[in-house]
Amino acid sequence: MERYQVTDTQGKRHKNDPNDWLREVEKPTYILDLLLSIINVSVQTVDIVAGLPKVKFE
């Protein structure tokens, strides 16, 4: 999420605002969609790992 923060380079006129890009491509929910995808993959991973057989080491 830190990649999608508004940053301002000190002493320069450049401002990095990901919201500008979101407005340009007319997809204002892009960052939220990314976050929801990460949550979905995490939940599915937990389900898969929970369904794996137990392994016993001697």
Protein backbone atom coordinates (compact mmCIF):
# COMPACT_ATOMS: atom_id res chain seq x y z
CA MET A 1 0.00 0.00 0.00
CA GLU A 2 2.93 2.34 0.56
CA ARG A 3 3.48 2.44 -3.21
CA TYR A 4 0.10 4.13 -3.61
CA GLN A 5 0.73 7.04 -1.26
CA VAL A 6 0.88 10.63 -2.37
CA THR A 7 4.53 11.65 -2.18
CA ASP A 8 6.23 14.94 -2.79
CA THR A 9 9.91 15.11 -3.66
CA GLN A 10 11.48 17.76 -1.47
CA GLY A 11 12.80 20.77 -3.31
CA LYS A 12 11.29 19.73 -6.63
CA ARG A 13 8.04 20.40 -8.40
CA HIS A 14 7.29 16.72 -8.94
CA LYS A 15 4.42 15.26 -6.98
CA ASN A 16 3.67 11.54 -7.20
CA ASP A 17 -0.07 11.16 -6.81
CA PRO A 18 -1.47 7.75 -7.84
CA ASN A 19 -4.95 9.26 -7.76
CA ASP A 20 -4.05 11.25 -10.88
CA TRP A 21 -3.50 8.02 -12.80
CA LEU A 22 -6.72 6.54 -11.42
CA ARG A 23 -8.64 9.53 -12.75
CA GLU A 24 -6.88 9.33 -16.14
CA VAL A 25 -7.88 5.70 -16.72
CA GLU A 26 -11.30 6.27 -15.13
CA LYS A 27 -10.90 3.42 -12.68
CA PRO A 28 -11.22 4.98 -9.22
CA THR A 29 -11.57 1.62 -7.45
CA TYR A 30 -8.25 0.22 -8.73
CA ILE A 31 -6.43 0.31 -5.38
CA LEU A 32 -9.42 -1.10 -3.53
CA ASP A 33 -9.67 -3.88 -6.14
CA LEU A 34 -5.99 -4.72 -5.57
CA LEU A 35 -6.50 -4.88 -1.81
CA LEU A 36 -9.56 -7.11 -2.19
CA SER A 37 -7.58 -9.42 -4.48
CA ILE A 38 -4.84 -9.76 -1.86
CA ILE A 39 -7.42 -10.55 0.82
CA ASN A 40 -9.07 -13.12 -1.44
CA VAL A 41 -5.78 -14.89 -2.19
CA SER A 42 -4.90 -14.89 1.51
CA VAL A 43 -8.23 -16.46 2.50
CA GLN A 44 -7.93 -19.10 -0.23
CA THR A 45 -4.38 -19.90 0.87
CA VAL A 46 -5.50 -20.42 4.47
CA ASP A 47 -8.27 -22.75 3.25
CA ILE A 48 -5.84 -24.78 1.12
CA VAL A 49 -3.26 -25.06 3.91
CA ALA A 50 -5.97 -26.11 6.39
CA GLY A 51 -7.03 -28.87 4.01
CA LEU A 52 -3.56 -30.36 3.63
CA PRO A 53 -2.89 -33.64 5.39
CA LYS A 54 -0.86 -33.54 8.59
CA VAL A 55 2.76 -34.52 8.21
CA LYS A 56 4.53 -36.23 11.12
CA PHE A 57 8.28 -36.07 11.47
CA GLU A 58 10.20 -38.61 13.48
